[in-house]
Structure formats: structure tokens, C-alpha cells
């Protein structure tokens, strides 16, 4: 089943994001390689594709897991989570309807 992982950043998370980005992207790439990723990306803090030093306010990942527990465990062990980028992470089941 698909699950949304919605992550809200702490204030001024950009320095930690930069330090941890490579490890976070490597982990996301595993989902891509396994065909389990629908979409993933950050929420810019300003209305721009390149927010620069304004940074980000959170991230969204929609990926396939066997169950909610597995999705939550994956989110709990993401490098951004472990490094303290996120102040809150919400994991919920998701049903894709369109397109």
C-alpha cells in the first residue's frame, strides 16, 4: 500500500539539511530502485524552485510499504529524522485515485 510521509522542519533547518542531504538521497534512491517511490521532495520556505538561504519548511514522500508500521519505521530512521531536521513526522495510508 502507498503511504504519505509528511515531515515538518525545525526552524532554520537548512544547515542540517545540507550536512545530511547525501545520506537522505541515498536512502530515497533505494525506494526508487525498488520501484516503491511515487514522489518525494521538499517544501520551499518561499514561492521559488530555488529558495536559497530561505531553505525549506518540510518534505513529502509517497512510497509503498507492506504496512503502516513499516512506513513509520522507515520514516523514523531516515537520516533527516535522525539528524533533527524534522520537528514532526506524520505517516498515513494513501490511496492513489488519479491520474
PDB file of N, CA and C in Angstrom:
ATOM      1  N   UNK A   1       0.854  -1.180   0.000  1.00  0.00           N
ATOM      2  CA  UNK A   1       0.000   0.000   0.000  1.00  0.00           C
ATOM      3  C   UNK A   1       0.899   1.242   0.000  1.00  0.00           C
ATOM      4  N   UNK A   2       0.344   2.336  -0.517  1.00  0.00           N
ATOM      5  CA  UNK A   2       1.056   3.608  -0.504  1.00  0.00           C
ATOM      6  C   UNK A   2       0.884   4.291   0.844  1.00  0.00           C
ATOM      7  N   UNK A   3       1.910   5.067   1.233  1.00  0.00           N
ATOM      8  CA  UNK A   3       1.866   5.834   2.478  1.00  0.00           C
ATOM      9  C   UNK A   3       2.458   7.215   2.233  1.00  0.00           C
ATOM     10  N   UNK A   4       1.820   8.240   2.815  1.00  0.00           N
ATOM     11  CA  UNK A   4       2.408   9.569   2.780  1.00  0.00           C
ATOM     12  C   UNK A   4       3.246   9.745   4.036  1.00  0.00           C
ATOM     13  N   UNK A   5       4.399  10.330   3.850  1.00  0.00           N
ATOM     14  CA  UNK A   5       5.275  10.691   4.962  1.00  0.00           C
ATOM     15  C   UNK A   5       5.448  12.197   4.850  1.00  0.00           C
ATOM     16  N   UNK A   6       4.749  12.932   5.712  1.00  0.00           N
ATOM     17  CA  UNK A   6       4.794  14.385   5.679  1.00  0.00           C
ATOM     18  C   UNK A   6       5.645  14.863   6.850  1.00  0.00           C
ATOM     19  N   UNK A   7       6.686  15.584   6.533  1.00  0.00           N
ATOM     20  CA  UNK A   7       7.669  15.994   7.527  1.00  0.00           C
ATOM     21  C   UNK A   7       7.705  17.510   7.627  1.00  0.00           C
ATOM     22  N   UNK A   8       7.659  18.023   8.849  1.00  0.00           N
ATOM     23  CA  UNK A   8       7.745  19.457   9.089  1.00  0.00           C
ATOM     24  C   UNK A   8       9.100  19.769   9.706  1.00  0.00           C
ATOM     25  N   UNK A   9       9.816  20.713   9.105  1.00  0.00           N
ATOM     26  CA  UNK A   9      11.157  21.076   9.565  1.00  0.00           C
ATOM     27  C   UNK A   9      11.142  21.904  10.844  1.00  0.00           C
ATOM     28  N   UNK A  10      12.248  21.836  11.560  1.00  0.00           N
ATOM     29  CA  UNK A  10      12.504  22.766  12.641  1.00  0.00           C
ATOM     30  C   UNK A  10      12.841  24.126  12.017  1.00  0.00           C
ATOM     31  N   UNK A  11      12.856  25.167  12.788  1.00  0.00           N
ATOM     32  CA  UNK A  11      13.284  26.480  12.304  1.00  0.00           C
ATOM     33  C   UNK A  11      14.754  26.405  11.890  1.00  0.00           C
ATOM     34  N   UNK A  12      15.098  27.091  10.834  1.00  0.00           N
ATOM     35  CA  UNK A  12      16.489  27.175  10.382  1.00  0.00           C
ATOM     36  C   UNK A  12      17.133  25.805  10.172  1.00  0.00           C
ATOM     37  N   UNK A  13      16.430  24.931   9.494  1.00  0.00           N
ATOM     38  CA  UNK A  13      16.898  23.559   9.283  1.00  0.00           C
ATOM     39  C   UNK A  13      17.943  23.430   8.170  1.00  0.00           C
ATOM     40  N   UNK A  14      18.129  24.472   7.374  1.00  0.00           N
ATOM     41  CA  UNK A  14      18.963  24.364   6.179  1.00  0.00           C
ATOM     42  C   UNK A  14      20.383  23.854   6.448  1.00  0.00           C
ATOM     43  N   UNK A  15      21.096  24.333   7.457  1.00  0.00           N
ATOM     44  CA  UNK A  15      22.450  23.802   7.688  1.00  0.00           C
ATOM     45  C   UNK A  15      22.466  22.290   7.938  1.00  0.00           C
ATOM     46  N   UNK A  16      21.503  21.789   8.702  1.00  0.00           N
ATOM     47  CA  UNK A  16      21.441  20.345   8.975  1.00  0.00           C
ATOM     48  C   UNK A  16      21.047  19.590   7.714  1.00  0.00           C
ATOM     49  N   UNK A  17      20.102  20.143   6.959  1.00  0.00           N
ATOM     50  CA  UNK A  17      19.708  19.522   5.685  1.00  0.00           C
ATOM     51  C   UNK A  17      20.919  19.370   4.772  1.00  0.00           C
ATOM     52  N   UNK A  18      21.703  20.433   4.648  1.00  0.00           N
ATOM     53  CA  UNK A  18      22.871  20.391   3.768  1.00  0.00           C
ATOM     54  C   UNK A  18      23.863  19.308   4.205  1.00  0.00           C
ATOM     55  N   UNK A  19      24.086  19.181   5.495  1.00  0.00           N
ATOM     56  CA  UNK A  19      25.035  18.195   6.017  1.00  0.00           C
ATOM     57  C   UNK A  19      24.559  16.763   5.797  1.00  0.00           C
ATOM     58  N   UNK A  20      23.257  16.561   5.789  1.00  0.00           N
ATOM     59  CA  UNK A  20      22.681  15.216   5.788  1.00  0.00           C
ATOM     60  C   UNK A  20      22.080  14.831   4.438  1.00  0.00           C
ATOM     61  N   UNK A  21      22.045  15.754   3.493  1.00  0.00           N
ATOM     62  CA  UNK A  21      21.337  15.547   2.220  1.00  0.00           C
ATOM     63  C   UNK A  21      21.795  14.300   1.462  1.00  0.00           C
ATOM     64  N   UNK A  22      23.083  14.089   1.347  1.00  0.00           N
ATOM     65  CA  UNK A  22      23.580  12.942   0.568  1.00  0.00           C
ATOM     66  C   UNK A  22      23.056  11.624   1.132  1.00  0.00           C
ATOM     67  N   UNK A  23      23.112  11.459   2.443  1.00  0.00           N
ATOM     68  CA  UNK A  23      22.632  10.219   3.064  1.00  0.00           C
ATOM     69  C   UNK A  23      21.123  10.066   2.881  1.00  0.00           C
ATOM     70  N   UNK A  24      20.393  11.167   3.005  1.00  0.00           N
ATOM     71  CA  UNK A  24      18.940  11.140   2.818  1.00  0.00           C
ATOM     72  C   UNK A  24      18.597  10.717   1.382  1.00  0.00           C
ATOM     73  N   UNK A  25      19.276  11.314   0.393  1.00  0.00           N
ATOM     74  CA  UNK A  25      19.006  10.983  -1.005  1.00  0.00           C
ATOM     75  C   UNK A  25      19.415   9.554  -1.357  1.00  0.00           C
ATOM     76  N   UNK A  26      20.481   9.065  -0.767  1.00  0.00           N
ATOM     77  CA  UNK A  26      20.872   7.660  -0.984  1.00  0.00           C
ATOM     78  C   UNK A  26      19.769   6.725  -0.520  1.00  0.00           C
ATOM     79  N   UNK A  27      19.163   7.053   0.611  1.00  0.00           N
ATOM     80  CA  UNK A  27      18.089   6.212   1.152  1.00  0.00           C
ATOM     81  C   UNK A  27      16.844   6.277   0.269  1.00  0.00           C
ATOM     82  N   UNK A  28      16.521   7.465  -0.226  1.00  0.00           N
ATOM     83  CA  UNK A  28      15.385   7.623  -1.141  1.00  0.00           C
ATOM     84  C   UNK A  28      15.647   6.835  -2.427  1.00  0.00           C
ATOM     85  N   UNK A  29      16.886   6.849  -2.903  1.00  0.00           N
ATOM     86  CA  UNK A  29      17.240   6.147  -4.142  1.00  0.00           C
ATOM     87  C   UNK A  29      16.955   4.651  -4.037  1.00  0.00           C
ATOM     88  N   UNK A  30      17.087   4.101  -2.867  1.00  0.00           N
ATOM     89  CA  UNK A  30      16.762   2.674  -2.677  1.00  0.00           C
ATOM     90  C   UNK A  30      15.291   2.425  -3.007  1.00  0.00           C
ATOM     91  N   UNK A  31      14.407   3.315  -2.552  1.00  0.00           N
ATOM     92  CA  UNK A  31      12.978   3.184  -2.881  1.00  0.00           C
ATOM     93  C   UNK A  31      12.756   3.295  -4.387  1.00  0.00           C
ATOM     94  N   UNK A  32      13.477   4.226  -5.020  1.00  0.00           N
ATOM     95  CA  UNK A  32      13.387   4.383  -6.475  1.00  0.00           C
ATOM     96  C   UNK A  32      13.803   3.087  -7.164  1.00  0.00           C
ATOM     97  N   UNK A  33      14.955   2.559  -6.783  1.00  0.00           N
ATOM     98  CA  UNK A  33      15.490   1.340  -7.397  1.00  0.00           C
ATOM     99  C   UNK A  33      14.563   0.144  -7.222  1.00  0.00           C
ATOM    100  N   UNK A  34      13.824   0.140  -6.128  1.00  0.00           N
ATOM    101  CA  UNK A  34      12.888  -0.959  -5.854  1.00  0.00           C
ATOM    102  C   UNK A  34      11.512  -0.719  -6.483  1.00  0.00           C
ATOM    103  N   UNK A  35      11.330   0.422  -7.144  1.00  0.00           N
ATOM    104  CA  UNK A  35      10.045   0.743  -7.758  1.00  0.00           C
ATOM    105  C   UNK A  35       8.971   1.078  -6.755  1.00  0.00           C
ATOM    106  N   UNK A  36       9.358   1.585  -5.572  1.00  0.00           N
ATOM    107  CA  UNK A  36       8.412   1.837  -4.491  1.00  0.00           C
ATOM    108  C   UNK A  36       8.175   3.313  -4.210  1.00  0.00           C
ATOM    109  N   UNK A  37       8.759   4.202  -5.010  1.00  0.00           N
ATOM    110  CA  UNK A  37       8.590   5.630  -4.765  1.00  0.00           C
ATOM    111  C   UNK A  37       7.655   6.244  -5.797  1.00  0.00           C
ATOM    112  N   UNK A  38       6.609   6.916  -5.328  1.00  0.00           N
ATOM    113  CA  UNK A  38       5.713   7.649  -6.216  1.00  0.00           C
ATOM    114  C   UNK A  38       6.240   9.063  -6.418  1.00  0.00           C
ATOM    115  N   UNK A  39       6.591   9.722  -5.329  1.00  0.00           N
ATOM    116  CA  UNK A  39       7.066  11.104  -5.398  1.00  0.00           C
ATOM    117  C   UNK A  39       7.786  11.451  -4.098  1.00  0.00           C
ATOM    118  N   UNK A  40       8.738  12.363  -4.191  1.00  0.00           N
ATOM    119  CA  UNK A  40       9.425  12.854  -2.990  1.00  0.00           C
ATOM    120  C   UNK A  40       9.989  14.230  -3.288  1.00  0.00           C
ATOM    121  N   UNK A  41       9.944  15.098  -2.313  1.00  0.00           N
ATOM    122  CA  UNK A  41      10.540  16.410  -2.482  1.00  0.00           C
ATOM    123  C   UNK A  41      10.263  17.316  -1.302  1.00  0.00           C
ATOM    124  N   UNK A  42      11.007  18.440  -1.257  1.00  0.00           N
ATOM    125  CA  UNK A  42      10.870  19.376  -0.151  1.00  0.00           C
ATOM    126  C   UNK A  42       9.830  20.462  -0.431  1.00  0.00           C
ATOM    127  N   UNK A  43       9.414  21.134   0.642  1.00  0.00           N
ATOM    128  CA  UNK A  43       8.543  22.301   0.562  1.00  0.00           C
ATOM    129  C   UNK A  43       9.411  23.541   0.761  1.00  0.00           C
ATOM    130  N   UNK A  44       9.629  24.341  -0.308  1.00  0.00           N
ATOM    131  CA  UNK A  44      10.441  25.548  -0.149  1.00  0.00           C
ATOM    132  C   UNK A  44       9.771  26.542   0.812  1.00  0.00           C
ATOM    133  N   UNK A  45      10.583  27.277   1.547  1.00  0.00           N
ATOM    134  CA  UNK A  45      10.069  28.259   2.503  1.00  0.00           C
ATOM    135  C   UNK A  45       9.490  29.489   1.801  1.00  0.00           C
ATOM    136  N   UNK A  46       9.874  29.699   0.537  1.00  0.00           N
ATOM    137  CA  UNK A  46       9.334  30.806  -0.250  1.00  0.00           C
ATOM    138  C   UNK A  46       8.832  30.248  -1.577  1.00  0.00           C
ATOM    139  N   UNK A  47       8.087  31.044  -2.297  1.00  0.00           N
ATOM    140  CA  UNK A  47       7.491  30.613  -3.563  1.00  0.00           C
ATOM    141  C   UNK A  47       8.537  30.648  -4.673  1.00  0.00           C
ATOM    142  N   UNK A  48       9.428  29.654  -4.644  1.00  0.00           N
ATOM    143  CA  UNK A  48      10.527  29.603  -5.595  1.00  0.00           C
ATOM    144  C   UNK A  48      11.050  28.178  -5.704  1.00  0.00           C
ATOM    145  N   UNK A  49      11.443  27.775  -6.925  1.00  0.00           N
ATOM    146  CA  UNK A  49      12.054  26.455  -7.106  1.00  0.00           C
ATOM    147  C   UNK A  49      13.421  26.380  -6.441  1.00  0.00           C
ATOM    148  N   UNK A  50      14.079  27.529  -6.282  1.00  0.00           N
ATOM    149  CA  UNK A  50      15.375  27.595  -5.610  1.00  0.00           C
ATOM    150  C   UNK A  50      15.281  28.616  -4.484  1.00  0.00           C
ATOM    151  N   UNK A  51      14.903  28.171  -3.276  1.00  0.00           N
ATOM    152  CA  UNK A  51      14.701  29.118  -2.193  1.00  0.00           C
ATOM    153  C   UNK A  51      15.988  29.663  -1.573  1.00  0.00           C
ATOM    154  N   UNK A  52      17.132  29.159  -2.010  1.00  0.00           N
ATOM    155  CA  UNK A  52      18.406  29.653  -1.487  1.00  0.00           C
ATOM    156  C   UNK A  52      18.470  29.544   0.024  1.00  0.00           C
ATOM    157  N   UNK A  53      18.927  30.589   0.646  1.00  0.00           N
ATOM    158  CA  UNK A  53      19.103  30.576   2.104  1.00  0.00           C
ATOM    159  C   UNK A  53      17.788  30.608   2.879  1.00  0.00           C
ATOM    160  N   UNK A  54      16.653  30.840   2.184  1.00  0.00           N
ATOM    161  CA  UNK A  54      15.352  30.772   2.861  1.00  0.00           C
ATOM    162  C   UNK A  54      15.072  29.343   3.308  1.00  0.00           C
ATOM    163  N   UNK A  55      15.622  28.384   2.562  1.00  0.00           N
ATOM    164  CA  UNK A  55      15.512  26.982   2.966  1.00  0.00           C
ATOM    165  C   UNK A  55      14.156  26.361   2.720  1.00  0.00           C
ATOM    166  N   UNK A  56      13.819  25.432   3.595  1.00  0.00           N
ATOM    167  CA  UNK A  56      12.640  24.597   3.418  1.00  0.00           C
ATOM    168  C   UNK A  56      11.844  24.498   4.716  1.00  0.00           C
ATOM    169  N   UNK A  57      10.565  24.198   4.575  1.00  0.00           N
ATOM    170  CA  UNK A  57       9.697  24.056   5.752  1.00  0.00           C
ATOM    171  C   UNK A  57       9.291  22.619   6.009  1.00  0.00           C
ATOM    172  N   UNK A  58       9.624  21.718   5.086  1.00  0.00           N
ATOM    173  CA  UNK A  58       9.250  20.326   5.261  1.00  0.00           C
ATOM    174  C   UNK A  58       9.490  19.530   4.000  1.00  0.00           C
ATOM    175  N   UNK A  59       9.010  18.306   4.013  1.00  0.00           N
ATOM    176  CA  UNK A  59       9.162  17.388   2.883  1.00  0.00           C
ATOM    177  C   UNK A  59       7.962  16.466   2.802  1.00  0.00           C
ATOM    178  N   UNK A  60       7.739  15.953   1.598  1.00  0.00           N
ATOM    179  CA  UNK A  60       6.687  14.965   1.369  1.00  0.00           C
ATOM    180  C   UNK A  60       7.275  13.788   0.614  1.00  0.00           C
ATOM    181  N   UNK A  61       6.983  12.609   1.089  1.00  0.00           N
ATOM    182  CA  UNK A  61       7.365  11.372   0.409  1.00  0.00           C
ATOM    183  C   UNK A  61       6.098  10.528   0.311  1.00  0.00           C
ATOM    184  N   UNK A  62       5.835   9.992  -0.875  1.00  0.00           N
ATOM    185  CA  UNK A  62       4.773   8.997  -1.026  1.00  0.00           C
ATOM    186  C   UNK A  62       5.451   7.752  -1.561  1.00  0.00           C
ATOM    187  N   UNK A  63       5.394   6.694  -0.768  1.00  0.00           N
ATOM    188  CA  UNK A  63       6.108   5.467  -1.111  1.00  0.00           C
ATOM    189  C   UNK A  63       5.292   4.251  -0.692  1.00  0.00           C
ATOM    190  N   UNK A  64       5.663   3.128  -1.257  1.00  0.00           N
ATOM    191  CA  UNK A  64       4.961   1.874  -0.998  1.00  0.00           C
ATOM    192  C   UNK A  64       5.679   1.081   0.095  1.00  0.00           C
ATOM    193  N   UNK A  65       4.899   0.616   1.077  1.00  0.00           N
ATOM    194  CA  UNK A  65       5.399  -0.230   2.155  1.00  0.00           C
ATOM    195  C   UNK A  65       4.391  -1.347   2.398  1.00  0.00           C
ATOM    196  N   UNK A  66       4.806  -2.386   3.087  1.00  0.00           N
ATOM    197  CA  UNK A  66       3.912  -3.509   3.366  1.00  0.00           C
ATOM    198  C   UNK A  66       2.787  -3.134   4.325  1.00  0.00           C
ATOM    199  N   UNK A  67       3.090  -2.217   5.256  1.00  0.00           N
ATOM    200  CA  UNK A  67       2.091  -1.825   6.243  1.00  0.00           C
ATOM    201  C   UNK A  67       2.501  -0.502   6.896  1.00  0.00           C
ATOM    202  N   UNK A  68       1.613   0.050   7.690  1.00  0.00           N
ATOM    203  CA  UNK A  68       1.841   1.330   8.348  1.00  0.00           C
ATOM    204  C   UNK A  68       3.047   1.276   9.280  1.00  0.00           C
ATOM    205  N   UNK A  69       3.199   0.186   9.968  1.00  0.00           N
ATOM    206  CA  UNK A  69       4.329   0.037  10.882  1.00  0.00           C
ATOM    207  C   UNK A  69       5.666   0.129  10.140  1.00  0.00           C
ATOM    208  N   UNK A  70       5.756  -0.530   8.993  1.00  0.00           N
ATOM    209  CA  UNK A  70       6.985  -0.470   8.193  1.00  0.00           C
ATOM    210  C   UNK A  70       7.241   0.938   7.681  1.00  0.00           C
ATOM    211  N   UNK A  71       6.190   1.627   7.255  1.00  0.00           N
ATOM    212  CA  UNK A  71       6.333   3.000   6.769  1.00  0.00           C
ATOM    213  C   UNK A  71       6.803   3.915   7.900  1.00  0.00           C
ATOM    214  N   UNK A  72       6.235   3.746   9.077  1.00  0.00           N
ATOM    215  CA  UNK A  72       6.625   4.562  10.230  1.00  0.00           C
ATOM    216  C   UNK A  72       8.074   4.286  10.623  1.00  0.00           C
ATOM    217  N   UNK A  73       8.456   3.026  10.610  1.00  0.00           N
ATOM    218  CA  UNK A  73       9.832   2.670  10.961  1.00  0.00           C
ATOM    219  C   UNK A  73      10.810   3.263   9.958  1.00  0.00           C
ATOM    220  N   UNK A  74      10.461   3.241   8.674  1.00  0.00           N
ATOM    221  CA  UNK A  74      11.312   3.827   7.650  1.00  0.00           C
ATOM    222  C   UNK A  74      11.471   5.328   7.909  1.00  0.00           C
ATOM    223  N   UNK A  75      10.363   6.004   8.187  1.00  0.00           N
ATOM    224  CA  UNK A  75      10.400   7.448   8.451  1.00  0.00           C
ATOM    225  C   UNK A  75      11.220   7.765   9.701  1.00  0.00           C
ATOM    226  N   UNK A  76      11.074   6.945  10.722  1.00  0.00           N
ATOM    227  CA  UNK A  76      11.787   7.169  11.991  1.00  0.00           C
ATOM    228  C   UNK A  76      13.294   7.018  11.849  1.00  0.00           C
ATOM    229  N   UNK A  77      13.740   6.280  10.834  1.00  0.00           N
ATOM    230  CA  UNK A  77      15.176   6.034  10.679  1.00  0.00           C
ATOM    231  C   UNK A  77      15.778   6.764   9.472  1.00  0.00           C
ATOM    232  N   UNK A  78      15.028   7.691   8.895  1.00  0.00           N
ATOM    233  CA  UNK A  78      15.566   8.497   7.802  1.00  0.00           C
ATOM    234  C   UNK A  78      16.689   9.386   8.335  1.00  0.00           C
ATOM    235  N   UNK A  79      17.752   9.595   7.575  1.00  0.00           N
ATOM    236  CA  UNK A  79      18.846  10.448   8.048  1.00  0.00           C
ATOM    237  C   UNK A  79      18.408  11.853   8.472  1.00  0.00           C
ATOM    238  N   UNK A  80      17.459  12.451   7.776  1.00  0.00           N
ATOM    239  CA  UNK A  80      16.973  13.768   8.198  1.00  0.00           C
ATOM    240  C   UNK A  80      16.296  13.696   9.569  1.00  0.00           C
ATOM    241  N   UNK A  81      15.520  12.644   9.797  1.00  0.00           N
ATOM    242  CA  UNK A  81      14.863  12.475  11.091  1.00  0.00           C
ATOM    243  C   UNK A  81      15.914  12.308  12.188  1.00  0.00           C
ATOM    244  N   UNK A  82      16.870  11.425  11.957  1.00  0.00           N
ATOM    245  CA  UNK A  82      17.899  11.149  12.960  1.00  0.00           C
ATOM    246  C   UNK A  82      18.775  12.365  13.245  1.00  0.00           C
ATOM    247  N   UNK A  83      18.981  13.223  12.245  1.00  0.00           N
ATOM    248  CA  UNK A  83      19.823  14.416  12.408  1.00  0.00           C
ATOM    249  C   UNK A  83      19.070  15.577  13.062  1.00  0.00           C
ATOM    250  N   UNK A  84      17.753  15.462  13.187  1.00  0.00           N
ATOM    251  CA  UNK A  84      16.977  16.513  13.825  1.00  0.00           C
ATOM    252  C   UNK A  84      16.448  17.577  12.884  1.00  0.00           C
ATOM    253  N   UNK A  85      16.386  17.286  11.585  1.00  0.00           N
ATOM    254  CA  UNK A  85      15.832  18.245  10.624  1.00  0.00           C
ATOM    255  C   UNK A  85      14.341  18.454  10.882  1.00  0.00           C
ATOM    256  N   UNK A  86      13.636  17.402  11.229  1.00  0.00           N
ATOM    257  CA  UNK A  86      12.180  17.460  11.349  1.00  0.00           C
ATOM    258  C   UNK A  86      11.736  17.641  12.796  1.00  0.00           C
ATOM    259  N   UNK A  87      10.748  18.509  12.982  1.00  0.00           N
ATOM    260  CA  UNK A  87      10.138  18.662  14.307  1.00  0.00           C
ATOM    261  C   UNK A  87       8.940  17.738  14.466  1.00  0.00           C
ATOM    262  N   UNK A  88       8.368  17.336  13.310  1.00  0.00           N
ATOM    263  CA  UNK A  88       7.230  16.418  13.341  1.00  0.00           C
ATOM    264  C   UNK A  88       7.177  15.628  12.050  1.00  0.00           C
ATOM    265  N   UNK A  89       6.854  14.346  12.168  1.00  0.00           N
ATOM    266  CA  UNK A  89       6.697  13.478  11.005  1.00  0.00           C
ATOM    267  C   UNK A  89       5.354  12.760  11.148  1.00  0.00           C
ATOM    268  N   UNK A  90       4.530  12.853  10.098  1.00  0.00           N
ATOM    269  CA  UNK A  90       3.218  12.208  10.096  1.00  0.00           C
ATOM    270  C   UNK A  90       3.188  11.183   8.975  1.00  0.00           C
ATOM    271  N   UNK A  91       2.841   9.952   9.312  1.00  0.00           N
ATOM    272  CA  UNK A  91       2.777   8.866   8.331  1.00  0.00           C
ATOM    273  C   UNK A  91       1.333   8.377   8.277  1.00  0.00           C
ATOM    274  N   UNK A  92       0.778   8.350   7.055  1.00  0.00           N
ATOM    275  CA  UNK A  92      -0.616   7.922   6.882  1.00  0.00           C
ATOM    276  C   UNK A  92      -0.753   7.061   5.637  1.00  0.00           C
ATOM    277  N   UNK A  93      -1.709   6.118   5.648  1.00  0.00           N
ATOM    278  CA  UNK A  93      -2.015   5.362   4.439  1.00  0.00           C
ATOM    279  C   UNK A  93      -2.547   6.309   3.362  1.00  0.00           C
ATOM    280  N   UNK A  94      -2.316   5.945   2.106  1.00  0.00           N
ATOM    281  CA  UNK A  94      -2.704   6.787   0.974  1.00  0.00           C
ATOM    282  C   UNK A  94      -3.237   5.902  -0.142  1.00  0.00           C
ATOM    283  N   UNK A  95      -4.350   6.310  -0.742  1.00  0.00           N
ATOM    284  CA  UNK A  95      -4.911   5.607  -1.882  1.00  0.00           C
ATOM    285  C   UNK A  95      -4.820   6.521  -3.093  1.00  0.00           C
ATOM    286  N   UNK A  96      -4.061   6.115  -4.083  1.00  0.00           N
ATOM    287  CA  UNK A  96      -3.943   6.896  -5.315  1.00  0.00           C
ATOM    288  C   UNK A  96      -5.178   6.643  -6.177  1.00  0.00           C
ATOM    289  N   UNK A  97      -5.847   7.719  -6.560  1.00  0.00           N
ATOM    290  CA  UNK A  97      -7.038   7.610  -7.395  1.00  0.00           C
ATOM    291  C   UNK A  97      -6.756   8.137  -8.802  1.00  0.00           C
ATOM    292  N   UNK A  98      -6.127   9.299  -8.912  1.00  0.00           N
ATOM    293  CA  UNK A  98      -5.854   9.933 -10.199  1.00  0.00           C
ATOM    294  C   UNK A  98      -4.413  10.398 -10.262  1.00  0.00           C
ATOM    295  N   UNK A  99      -3.807  10.548 -11.374  1.00  0.00           N
ATOM    296  CA  UNK A  99      -4.199  10.042 -12.681  1.00  0.00           C
ATOM    297  C   UNK A  99      -3.938   8.563 -12.776  1.00  0.00           C
TER     298      UNK A  99
END
